[in-house]
N, C-alpha and C. Protein backbone atom coordinates (compact mmCIF):
# COMPACT_ATOMS: atom_id res chain seq x y z
N UNK A 1 -68.32 55.45 -51.84
CA UNK A 1 -69.71 55.55 -51.52
C UNK A 1 -69.93 56.38 -50.26
N UNK A 2 -68.96 56.40 -49.38
CA UNK A 2 -69.10 57.18 -48.16
C UNK A 2 -69.24 58.66 -48.48
N UNK A 3 -68.61 59.11 -49.56
CA UNK A 3 -68.72 60.51 -49.95
C UNK A 3 -70.14 60.90 -50.32
N UNK A 4 -70.96 59.94 -50.76
CA UNK A 4 -72.35 60.23 -51.07
C UNK A 4 -73.08 60.72 -49.83
N UNK A 5 -72.75 60.13 -48.68
CA UNK A 5 -73.39 60.55 -47.43
C UNK A 5 -72.93 61.94 -47.01
N UNK A 6 -71.75 62.36 -47.42
CA UNK A 6 -71.22 63.67 -47.04
C UNK A 6 -71.64 64.77 -48.01
N UNK A 7 -72.38 64.42 -49.04
CA UNK A 7 -72.82 65.41 -50.02
C UNK A 7 -73.76 66.41 -49.35
N UNK A 8 -73.87 67.57 -49.94
CA UNK A 8 -74.69 68.64 -49.37
C UNK A 8 -76.18 68.38 -49.43
N UNK A 9 -76.64 67.48 -50.29
CA UNK A 9 -78.07 67.21 -50.41
C UNK A 9 -78.30 65.75 -50.75
N UNK A 10 -79.54 65.32 -50.60
CA UNK A 10 -79.88 63.94 -50.94
C UNK A 10 -79.72 63.70 -52.44
N UNK A 11 -80.11 64.69 -53.24
CA UNK A 11 -79.97 64.56 -54.69
C UNK A 11 -78.50 64.47 -55.09
N UNK A 12 -77.67 65.29 -54.46
CA UNK A 12 -76.23 65.24 -54.73
C UNK A 12 -75.63 63.90 -54.35
N UNK A 13 -76.04 63.37 -53.20
CA UNK A 13 -75.56 62.07 -52.76
C UNK A 13 -76.01 60.96 -53.68
N UNK A 14 -77.26 61.04 -54.14
CA UNK A 14 -77.78 60.03 -55.08
C UNK A 14 -77.02 60.08 -56.40
N UNK A 15 -76.80 61.29 -56.90
CA UNK A 15 -76.09 61.45 -58.16
C UNK A 15 -74.65 60.94 -58.05
N UNK A 16 -73.99 61.28 -56.94
CA UNK A 16 -72.61 60.83 -56.74
C UNK A 16 -72.57 59.31 -56.62
N UNK A 17 -73.52 58.72 -55.90
CA UNK A 17 -73.57 57.27 -55.76
C UNK A 17 -73.82 56.58 -57.09
N UNK A 18 -74.73 57.14 -57.89
CA UNK A 18 -75.00 56.56 -59.21
C UNK A 18 -73.79 56.68 -60.13
N UNK A 19 -73.11 57.82 -60.09
CA UNK A 19 -71.92 58.01 -60.92
C UNK A 19 -70.82 57.02 -60.51
N UNK A 20 -70.66 56.82 -59.21
CA UNK A 20 -69.65 55.87 -58.73
C UNK A 20 -69.99 54.46 -59.19
N UNK A 21 -71.26 54.08 -59.03
CA UNK A 21 -71.69 52.74 -59.43
C UNK A 21 -71.52 52.55 -60.93
N UNK A 22 -71.90 53.55 -61.72
CA UNK A 22 -71.73 53.45 -63.16
C UNK A 22 -70.26 53.30 -63.52
N UNK A 23 -69.40 54.03 -62.84
CA UNK A 23 -67.97 53.92 -63.09
C UNK A 23 -67.44 52.52 -62.82
N UNK A 24 -68.02 51.86 -61.82
CA UNK A 24 -67.59 50.51 -61.49
C UNK A 24 -68.08 49.49 -62.51
N UNK A 25 -69.29 49.67 -63.05
CA UNK A 25 -69.84 48.67 -63.97
C UNK A 25 -69.62 49.02 -65.43
N UNK A 26 -69.10 50.20 -65.73
CA UNK A 26 -68.87 50.61 -67.11
C UNK A 26 -68.05 49.58 -67.89
N UNK A 27 -66.94 49.07 -67.34
CA UNK A 27 -66.20 48.04 -68.09
C UNK A 27 -67.04 46.80 -68.38
N UNK A 28 -67.95 46.46 -67.48
CA UNK A 28 -68.81 45.30 -67.71
C UNK A 28 -69.77 45.55 -68.86
N UNK A 29 -70.30 46.77 -68.96
CA UNK A 29 -71.16 47.12 -70.09
C UNK A 29 -70.39 47.00 -71.41
N UNK A 30 -69.18 47.52 -71.42
CA UNK A 30 -68.36 47.47 -72.64
C UNK A 30 -68.07 46.01 -73.02
N UNK A 31 -67.74 45.19 -72.03
CA UNK A 31 -67.46 43.78 -72.33
C UNK A 31 -68.71 43.07 -72.83
N UNK A 32 -69.87 43.36 -72.23
CA UNK A 32 -71.11 42.72 -72.68
C UNK A 32 -71.45 43.12 -74.11
N UNK A 33 -71.28 44.40 -74.43
CA UNK A 33 -71.55 44.86 -75.79
C UNK A 33 -70.60 44.22 -76.80
N UNK A 34 -69.31 44.13 -76.44
CA UNK A 34 -68.33 43.49 -77.34
C UNK A 34 -68.65 42.00 -77.48
N UNK A 35 -69.04 41.36 -76.40
CA UNK A 35 -69.37 39.94 -76.43
C UNK A 35 -70.51 39.68 -77.41
N UNK A 36 -71.56 40.52 -77.32
CA UNK A 36 -72.71 40.36 -78.22
C UNK A 36 -72.38 40.78 -79.65
N UNK A 37 -71.69 41.88 -79.81
CA UNK A 37 -71.40 42.42 -81.14
C UNK A 37 -70.54 41.48 -81.96
N UNK A 38 -69.50 40.93 -81.34
CA UNK A 38 -68.57 40.07 -82.06
C UNK A 38 -68.91 38.58 -81.88
N UNK A 39 -70.05 38.30 -81.28
CA UNK A 39 -70.57 36.94 -81.09
C UNK A 39 -69.50 36.02 -80.51
N UNK A 40 -68.86 36.50 -79.47
CA UNK A 40 -67.75 35.75 -78.87
C UNK A 40 -68.22 34.45 -78.23
N UNK A 41 -69.47 34.40 -77.79
CA UNK A 41 -69.99 33.18 -77.19
C UNK A 41 -70.10 32.03 -78.18
N UNK A 42 -70.06 32.34 -79.46
CA UNK A 42 -70.16 31.30 -80.49
C UNK A 42 -68.79 30.78 -80.92
N UNK A 43 -67.73 31.39 -80.44
CA UNK A 43 -66.38 30.94 -80.79
C UNK A 43 -66.06 29.66 -80.02
N UNK A 44 -65.55 28.68 -80.71
CA UNK A 44 -65.29 27.38 -80.10
C UNK A 44 -64.34 27.49 -78.92
N UNK A 45 -63.30 28.29 -79.03
CA UNK A 45 -62.30 28.36 -77.97
C UNK A 45 -62.79 29.09 -76.72
N UNK A 46 -63.93 29.80 -76.83
CA UNK A 46 -64.49 30.47 -75.65
C UNK A 46 -65.65 29.71 -75.02
N UNK A 47 -65.98 28.56 -75.55
CA UNK A 47 -67.07 27.76 -74.98
C UNK A 47 -66.55 26.96 -73.80
N UNK A 48 -67.37 26.88 -72.78
CA UNK A 48 -67.00 26.10 -71.60
C UNK A 48 -67.08 24.61 -71.92
N UNK A 49 -66.01 23.91 -71.63
CA UNK A 49 -65.97 22.46 -71.84
C UNK A 49 -65.94 21.80 -70.47
N UNK A 50 -66.76 20.77 -70.27
CA UNK A 50 -66.78 20.10 -68.96
C UNK A 50 -65.39 19.57 -68.59
N UNK A 51 -65.11 19.62 -67.30
CA UNK A 51 -63.80 19.22 -66.81
C UNK A 51 -63.98 18.57 -65.45
N UNK A 52 -63.34 17.43 -65.26
CA UNK A 52 -63.38 16.75 -63.96
C UNK A 52 -61.95 16.66 -63.44
N UNK A 53 -61.76 17.12 -62.20
CA UNK A 53 -60.44 17.12 -61.58
C UNK A 53 -60.51 16.32 -60.29
N UNK A 54 -59.55 15.39 -60.12
CA UNK A 54 -59.48 14.62 -58.87
C UNK A 54 -58.61 15.38 -57.88
N UNK A 55 -59.19 15.66 -56.70
CA UNK A 55 -58.47 16.36 -55.64
C UNK A 55 -58.71 15.60 -54.34
N UNK A 56 -57.67 15.06 -53.75
CA UNK A 56 -57.74 14.36 -52.47
C UNK A 56 -58.81 13.27 -52.48
N UNK A 57 -58.87 12.50 -53.55
CA UNK A 57 -59.83 11.40 -53.63
C UNK A 57 -61.25 11.81 -53.99
N UNK A 58 -61.48 13.09 -54.19
CA UNK A 58 -62.80 13.56 -54.59
C UNK A 58 -62.73 14.08 -56.02
N UNK A 59 -63.88 14.08 -56.68
CA UNK A 59 -63.93 14.56 -58.05
C UNK A 59 -64.61 15.93 -58.06
N UNK A 60 -63.91 16.91 -58.60
CA UNK A 60 -64.46 18.26 -58.74
C UNK A 60 -64.94 18.41 -60.18
N UNK A 61 -66.24 18.61 -60.35
CA UNK A 61 -66.81 18.79 -61.69
C UNK A 61 -66.94 20.28 -61.95
N UNK A 62 -66.26 20.77 -62.96
CA UNK A 62 -66.28 22.19 -63.31
C UNK A 62 -66.18 22.30 -64.82
N UNK A 63 -65.73 23.46 -65.30
CA UNK A 63 -65.51 23.60 -66.74
C UNK A 63 -64.27 24.46 -66.97
N UNK A 64 -63.86 24.55 -68.23
CA UNK A 64 -62.62 25.24 -68.56
C UNK A 64 -62.69 26.73 -68.27
N UNK A 65 -63.85 27.35 -68.43
CA UNK A 65 -63.98 28.78 -68.16
C UNK A 65 -63.80 29.05 -66.67
N UNK A 66 -64.48 28.27 -65.83
CA UNK A 66 -64.33 28.45 -64.38
C UNK A 66 -62.89 28.23 -63.94
N UNK A 67 -62.22 27.25 -64.54
CA UNK A 67 -60.82 27.00 -64.20
C UNK A 67 -59.95 28.18 -64.60
N UNK A 68 -60.19 28.74 -65.79
CA UNK A 68 -59.44 29.92 -66.24
C UNK A 68 -59.65 31.11 -65.32
N UNK A 69 -60.88 31.33 -64.90
CA UNK A 69 -61.18 32.44 -63.98
C UNK A 69 -60.47 32.21 -62.64
N UNK A 70 -60.49 30.97 -62.14
CA UNK A 70 -59.82 30.66 -60.88
C UNK A 70 -58.32 30.92 -60.97
N UNK A 71 -57.71 30.54 -62.09
CA UNK A 71 -56.27 30.78 -62.28
C UNK A 71 -55.99 32.28 -62.32
N UNK A 72 -56.85 33.04 -63.01
CA UNK A 72 -56.65 34.50 -63.09
C UNK A 72 -56.76 35.14 -61.70
N UNK A 73 -57.76 34.72 -60.91
CA UNK A 73 -57.90 35.27 -59.56
C UNK A 73 -56.72 34.88 -58.68
N UNK A 74 -56.24 33.65 -58.82
CA UNK A 74 -55.07 33.22 -58.05
C UNK A 74 -53.85 34.04 -58.43
N UNK A 75 -53.69 34.33 -59.72
CA UNK A 75 -52.55 35.15 -60.16
C UNK A 75 -52.66 36.57 -59.59
N UNK A 76 -53.88 37.14 -59.63
CA UNK A 76 -54.06 38.49 -59.06
C UNK A 76 -53.79 38.48 -57.56
N UNK A 77 -54.27 37.45 -56.87
CA UNK A 77 -54.02 37.34 -55.44
C UNK A 77 -52.54 37.21 -55.14
N UNK A 78 -51.84 36.40 -55.94
CA UNK A 78 -50.40 36.27 -55.77
C UNK A 78 -49.68 37.59 -56.00
N UNK A 79 -50.14 38.36 -57.01
CA UNK A 79 -49.53 39.66 -57.28
C UNK A 79 -49.74 40.60 -56.09
N UNK A 80 -50.94 40.61 -55.52
CA UNK A 80 -51.23 41.48 -54.37
C UNK A 80 -50.37 41.08 -53.18
N UNK A 81 -50.24 39.77 -52.94
CA UNK A 81 -49.41 39.31 -51.82
C UNK A 81 -47.95 39.69 -52.06
N UNK A 82 -47.46 39.52 -53.30
CA UNK A 82 -46.09 39.91 -53.63
C UNK A 82 -45.90 41.42 -53.42
N UNK A 83 -46.87 42.21 -53.88
CA UNK A 83 -46.78 43.66 -53.74
C UNK A 83 -46.78 44.07 -52.28
N UNK A 84 -47.59 43.40 -51.44
CA UNK A 84 -47.65 43.73 -50.02
C UNK A 84 -46.33 43.44 -49.32
N UNK A 85 -45.60 42.44 -49.80
CA UNK A 85 -44.32 42.10 -49.17
C UNK A 85 -43.13 42.84 -49.75
N UNK A 86 -43.36 43.63 -50.79
CA UNK A 86 -42.23 44.33 -51.42
C UNK A 86 -42.06 45.72 -50.83
N UNK A 87 -40.94 46.33 -51.16
CA UNK A 87 -40.68 47.69 -50.70
C UNK A 87 -41.50 48.71 -51.47
N UNK A 88 -42.11 48.28 -52.58
CA UNK A 88 -42.88 49.18 -53.43
C UNK A 88 -44.38 49.12 -53.12
N UNK A 89 -44.74 48.72 -51.92
CA UNK A 89 -46.15 48.46 -51.60
C UNK A 89 -47.06 49.62 -51.98
N UNK A 90 -46.64 50.84 -51.72
CA UNK A 90 -47.51 51.98 -52.05
C UNK A 90 -47.26 52.51 -53.44
N UNK A 91 -46.15 52.17 -54.05
CA UNK A 91 -45.84 52.71 -55.36
C UNK A 91 -46.13 51.77 -56.51
N UNK A 92 -45.97 50.49 -56.30
CA UNK A 92 -46.18 49.52 -57.36
C UNK A 92 -44.97 49.39 -58.26
N UNK A 93 -44.99 48.35 -59.09
CA UNK A 93 -43.87 48.16 -60.02
C UNK A 93 -43.89 49.23 -61.12
N UNK A 94 -42.79 49.35 -61.84
CA UNK A 94 -42.62 50.40 -62.84
C UNK A 94 -43.73 50.47 -63.88
N UNK A 95 -44.16 49.30 -64.41
CA UNK A 95 -45.20 49.34 -65.44
C UNK A 95 -46.51 49.87 -64.89
N UNK A 96 -46.81 49.54 -63.63
CA UNK A 96 -48.06 50.00 -63.02
C UNK A 96 -47.99 51.51 -62.78
N UNK A 97 -46.86 52.01 -62.35
CA UNK A 97 -46.69 53.45 -62.14
C UNK A 97 -46.82 54.19 -63.47
N UNK A 98 -46.22 53.64 -64.54
CA UNK A 98 -46.31 54.27 -65.86
C UNK A 98 -47.76 54.33 -66.35
N UNK A 99 -48.50 53.24 -66.16
CA UNK A 99 -49.92 53.24 -66.55
C UNK A 99 -50.69 54.29 -65.75
N UNK A 100 -50.44 54.36 -64.46
CA UNK A 100 -51.12 55.34 -63.60
C UNK A 100 -50.82 56.77 -64.02
N UNK A 101 -49.57 57.05 -64.36
CA UNK A 101 -49.21 58.41 -64.79
C UNK A 101 -49.86 58.75 -66.12
N UNK A 102 -49.91 57.77 -67.03
CA UNK A 102 -50.57 58.00 -68.32
C UNK A 102 -52.06 58.28 -68.14
N UNK A 103 -52.72 57.51 -67.30
CA UNK A 103 -54.14 57.74 -67.02
C UNK A 103 -54.37 59.10 -66.34
N UNK A 104 -53.44 59.47 -65.46
CA UNK A 104 -53.56 60.77 -64.80
C UNK A 104 -53.50 61.91 -65.82
N UNK A 105 -52.61 61.81 -66.80
CA UNK A 105 -52.51 62.85 -67.83
C UNK A 105 -53.81 62.93 -68.64
N UNK A 106 -54.34 61.78 -69.03
CA UNK A 106 -55.58 61.75 -69.82
C UNK A 106 -56.73 62.37 -69.04
N UNK A 107 -56.90 61.96 -67.80
CA UNK A 107 -58.03 62.45 -67.02
C UNK A 107 -57.85 63.90 -66.58
N UNK A 108 -56.62 64.36 -66.45
CA UNK A 108 -56.40 65.78 -66.16
C UNK A 108 -56.85 66.64 -67.34
N UNK A 109 -56.57 66.16 -68.57
CA UNK A 109 -57.04 66.88 -69.76
C UNK A 109 -58.56 66.89 -69.83
N UNK A 110 -59.17 65.76 -69.56
CA UNK A 110 -60.64 65.68 -69.59
C UNK A 110 -61.24 66.59 -68.53
N UNK A 111 -60.65 66.60 -67.35
CA UNK A 111 -61.14 67.46 -66.27
C UNK A 111 -61.02 68.94 -66.65
N UNK A 112 -59.93 69.34 -67.27
CA UNK A 112 -59.76 70.72 -67.71
C UNK A 112 -60.77 71.07 -68.80
N UNK A 113 -61.07 70.11 -69.67
CA UNK A 113 -62.00 70.34 -70.76
C UNK A 113 -63.44 70.54 -70.26
N UNK A 114 -63.85 69.75 -69.22
CA UNK A 114 -65.22 69.85 -68.72
C UNK A 114 -65.35 70.80 -67.54
N UNK A 115 -64.28 71.45 -67.13
CA UNK A 115 -64.31 72.35 -65.97
C UNK A 115 -65.36 73.45 -66.08
N UNK A 116 -65.57 74.07 -67.26
CA UNK A 116 -66.57 75.14 -67.33
C UNK A 116 -68.02 74.63 -67.25
N UNK A 117 -68.24 73.34 -67.42
CA UNK A 117 -69.60 72.79 -67.41
C UNK A 117 -70.08 72.65 -65.97
N UNK A 118 -71.29 73.15 -65.66
CA UNK A 118 -71.81 73.02 -64.28
C UNK A 118 -71.98 71.56 -63.88
N UNK A 119 -71.76 71.28 -62.59
CA UNK A 119 -71.82 69.91 -62.10
C UNK A 119 -73.17 69.22 -62.33
N UNK A 120 -74.31 69.91 -62.16
CA UNK A 120 -75.59 69.22 -62.45
C UNK A 120 -75.68 68.76 -63.90
N UNK A 121 -75.13 69.53 -64.83
CA UNK A 121 -75.15 69.14 -66.23
C UNK A 121 -74.27 67.90 -66.44
N UNK A 122 -73.12 67.88 -65.77
CA UNK A 122 -72.25 66.71 -65.87
C UNK A 122 -72.93 65.48 -65.27
N UNK A 123 -73.65 65.67 -64.17
CA UNK A 123 -74.38 64.57 -63.56
C UNK A 123 -75.44 64.00 -64.49
N UNK A 124 -76.19 64.88 -65.15
CA UNK A 124 -77.21 64.44 -66.10
C UNK A 124 -76.54 63.73 -67.28
N UNK A 125 -75.38 64.23 -67.71
CA UNK A 125 -74.66 63.60 -68.82
C UNK A 125 -74.20 62.19 -68.45
N UNK A 126 -73.73 62.01 -67.22
CA UNK A 126 -73.30 60.68 -66.78
C UNK A 126 -74.50 59.74 -66.72
N UNK A 127 -75.63 60.22 -66.20
CA UNK A 127 -76.84 59.39 -66.16
C UNK A 127 -77.33 59.05 -67.57
N UNK A 128 -77.24 60.01 -68.49
CA UNK A 128 -77.64 59.75 -69.87
C UNK A 128 -76.73 58.71 -70.51
N UNK A 129 -75.43 58.82 -70.25
CA UNK A 129 -74.48 57.84 -70.78
C UNK A 129 -74.78 56.45 -70.21
N UNK A 130 -75.09 56.38 -68.92
CA UNK A 130 -75.44 55.10 -68.32
C UNK A 130 -76.70 54.54 -68.97
N UNK A 131 -77.69 55.38 -69.23
CA UNK A 131 -78.93 54.95 -69.87
C UNK A 131 -78.66 54.41 -71.27
N UNK A 132 -77.79 55.07 -72.00
CA UNK A 132 -77.44 54.62 -73.35
C UNK A 132 -76.86 53.20 -73.30
N UNK A 133 -75.96 52.94 -72.34
CA UNK A 133 -75.36 51.62 -72.24
C UNK A 133 -76.37 50.57 -71.80
N UNK A 134 -77.26 50.93 -70.89
CA UNK A 134 -78.28 49.97 -70.46
C UNK A 134 -79.19 49.63 -71.63
N UNK A 135 -79.64 50.64 -72.37
CA UNK A 135 -80.51 50.40 -73.52
C UNK A 135 -79.78 49.57 -74.58
N UNK A 136 -78.52 49.90 -74.86
CA UNK A 136 -77.76 49.16 -75.87
C UNK A 136 -77.56 47.71 -75.45
N UNK A 137 -77.37 47.48 -74.17
CA UNK A 137 -77.16 46.12 -73.69
C UNK A 137 -78.45 45.30 -73.76
N UNK A 138 -79.57 45.93 -73.47
CA UNK A 138 -80.85 45.21 -73.42
C UNK A 138 -81.65 45.30 -74.72
N UNK A 139 -81.16 46.01 -75.71
CA UNK A 139 -81.89 46.32 -76.93
C UNK A 139 -82.54 45.11 -77.59
N UNK A 140 -81.82 44.06 -77.86
CA UNK A 140 -82.36 42.92 -78.59
C UNK A 140 -82.96 41.85 -77.69
N UNK A 141 -82.90 42.02 -76.40
CA UNK A 141 -83.37 40.98 -75.49
C UNK A 141 -84.89 40.93 -75.41
N UNK A 142 -85.59 42.03 -75.58
CA UNK A 142 -87.04 42.04 -75.47
C UNK A 142 -87.73 41.60 -76.74
N UNK A 143 -87.03 41.55 -77.85
CA UNK A 143 -87.65 41.23 -79.14
C UNK A 143 -88.10 39.78 -79.21
N UNK A 144 -87.35 38.85 -78.64
CA UNK A 144 -87.72 37.44 -78.70
C UNK A 144 -88.22 37.00 -77.34
N UNK A 145 -89.47 36.59 -77.28
CA UNK A 145 -90.03 36.20 -76.00
C UNK A 145 -90.44 34.74 -75.96
N UNK A 146 -90.43 34.06 -77.09
CA UNK A 146 -90.85 32.67 -77.12
C UNK A 146 -89.70 31.75 -77.42
N UNK A 147 -90.05 30.47 -77.56
CA UNK A 147 -89.04 29.47 -77.90
C UNK A 147 -88.98 29.34 -79.41
N UNK A 148 -88.37 30.28 -80.05
CA UNK A 148 -88.24 30.25 -81.50
C UNK A 148 -87.10 29.35 -81.92
N UNK A 149 -86.92 29.17 -83.23
CA UNK A 149 -85.85 28.30 -83.71
C UNK A 149 -84.46 28.83 -83.40
N UNK A 150 -84.33 30.14 -83.22
CA UNK A 150 -83.01 30.72 -82.95
C UNK A 150 -82.71 30.79 -81.47
N UNK A 151 -83.67 30.38 -80.65
CA UNK A 151 -83.50 30.51 -79.22
C UNK A 151 -83.59 29.14 -78.56
N UNK A 152 -82.44 28.53 -78.22
CA UNK A 152 -82.48 27.19 -77.63
C UNK A 152 -83.03 27.22 -76.22
N UNK A 153 -83.65 26.09 -75.83
CA UNK A 153 -84.20 25.99 -74.49
C UNK A 153 -83.09 25.82 -73.46
N UNK A 154 -81.98 25.22 -73.85
CA UNK A 154 -80.90 24.93 -72.93
C UNK A 154 -79.65 25.68 -73.34
N UNK A 155 -78.85 26.01 -72.36
CA UNK A 155 -77.58 26.67 -72.61
C UNK A 155 -76.51 25.59 -72.68
N UNK A 156 -76.36 24.97 -73.83
CA UNK A 156 -75.41 23.89 -73.99
C UNK A 156 -73.99 24.37 -73.76
N UNK A 157 -73.24 23.59 -73.00
CA UNK A 157 -71.84 23.92 -72.77
C UNK A 157 -71.64 25.05 -71.77
N UNK A 158 -72.68 25.56 -71.21
CA UNK A 158 -72.57 26.66 -70.26
C UNK A 158 -72.52 26.10 -68.84
N UNK A 159 -71.90 26.82 -67.96
CA UNK A 159 -71.86 26.37 -66.58
C UNK A 159 -73.23 26.54 -65.92
N UNK A 160 -74.14 27.28 -66.55
CA UNK A 160 -75.46 27.51 -65.99
C UNK A 160 -76.54 26.78 -66.76
N UNK A 161 -76.17 25.95 -67.71
CA UNK A 161 -77.15 25.23 -68.52
C UNK A 161 -77.84 24.16 -67.72
N UNK A 162 -78.97 23.70 -68.22
CA UNK A 162 -79.69 22.64 -67.55
C UNK A 162 -79.17 21.31 -68.05
N UNK A 163 -79.44 20.27 -67.29
CA UNK A 163 -79.00 18.94 -67.68
C UNK A 163 -79.76 18.51 -68.92
N UNK A 164 -79.13 17.77 -69.82
CA UNK A 164 -79.82 17.33 -71.02
C UNK A 164 -80.98 16.43 -70.66
N UNK A 165 -82.07 16.56 -71.41
CA UNK A 165 -83.24 15.73 -71.16
C UNK A 165 -83.08 14.42 -71.90
N UNK A 166 -83.77 13.42 -71.44
CA UNK A 166 -83.71 12.11 -72.06
C UNK A 166 -84.35 12.17 -73.44
N UNK A 167 -83.80 11.41 -74.39
CA UNK A 167 -84.35 11.43 -75.75
C UNK A 167 -85.60 10.58 -75.85
N UNK A 168 -85.85 9.70 -74.85
CA UNK A 168 -87.02 8.85 -74.91
C UNK A 168 -88.22 9.50 -74.24
N UNK A 169 -88.01 10.49 -73.43
CA UNK A 169 -89.11 11.15 -72.72
C UNK A 169 -89.76 12.17 -73.64
N UNK A 170 -91.08 12.39 -73.47
CA UNK A 170 -91.72 13.41 -74.30
C UNK A 170 -91.18 14.79 -73.95
N UNK A 171 -91.21 15.68 -74.95
CA UNK A 171 -90.68 17.03 -74.75
C UNK A 171 -91.52 17.76 -73.73
N UNK A 172 -90.85 18.46 -72.84
CA UNK A 172 -91.55 19.23 -71.82
C UNK A 172 -91.91 20.60 -72.38
N UNK A 173 -92.99 21.15 -71.87
CA UNK A 173 -93.39 22.49 -72.29
C UNK A 173 -92.72 23.47 -71.35
N UNK A 174 -92.04 24.45 -71.92
CA UNK A 174 -91.35 25.47 -71.13
C UNK A 174 -92.16 26.75 -71.14
N UNK A 175 -92.32 27.34 -69.97
CA UNK A 175 -93.00 28.63 -69.86
C UNK A 175 -92.00 29.66 -69.38
N UNK A 176 -91.87 30.76 -70.09
CA UNK A 176 -90.89 31.80 -69.74
C UNK A 176 -91.58 32.95 -69.08
């Protein structure tokens, strides 16, 4: 992002900043599209199940998804700590170097292929690609605005769902 400030113009800095940001969130767009397309949230094994863990006499209420994410982050942190203490700190292990070299070959070919295209055209192309992903991600979200039969009021089994309402209390009216 610092390079955006060093750009020759405000427009160039904005374009570079947007391209950088899009590059960072591109994998998230792909994952969101795959999640919706293959209806992964409806798979039983991917649903968050409540979990209570006793730690030092206290009860930690969480769910299986949060626990899995915590384990993954701990593993990544352990890998970074191991890498920092190894002699390969700047080079990485063999598999990581091989992946990096493979990606370098792919992107060198892409760079050679787009070299004749002027940079403003490439910038517009990156913004257009970002727009396509934003539209594809939000495409079906605006179609349903009410509490229809296919749209539950609560996110059951989700870490962000609301607490279940009492069955004896009258139904509350929800305004979206």
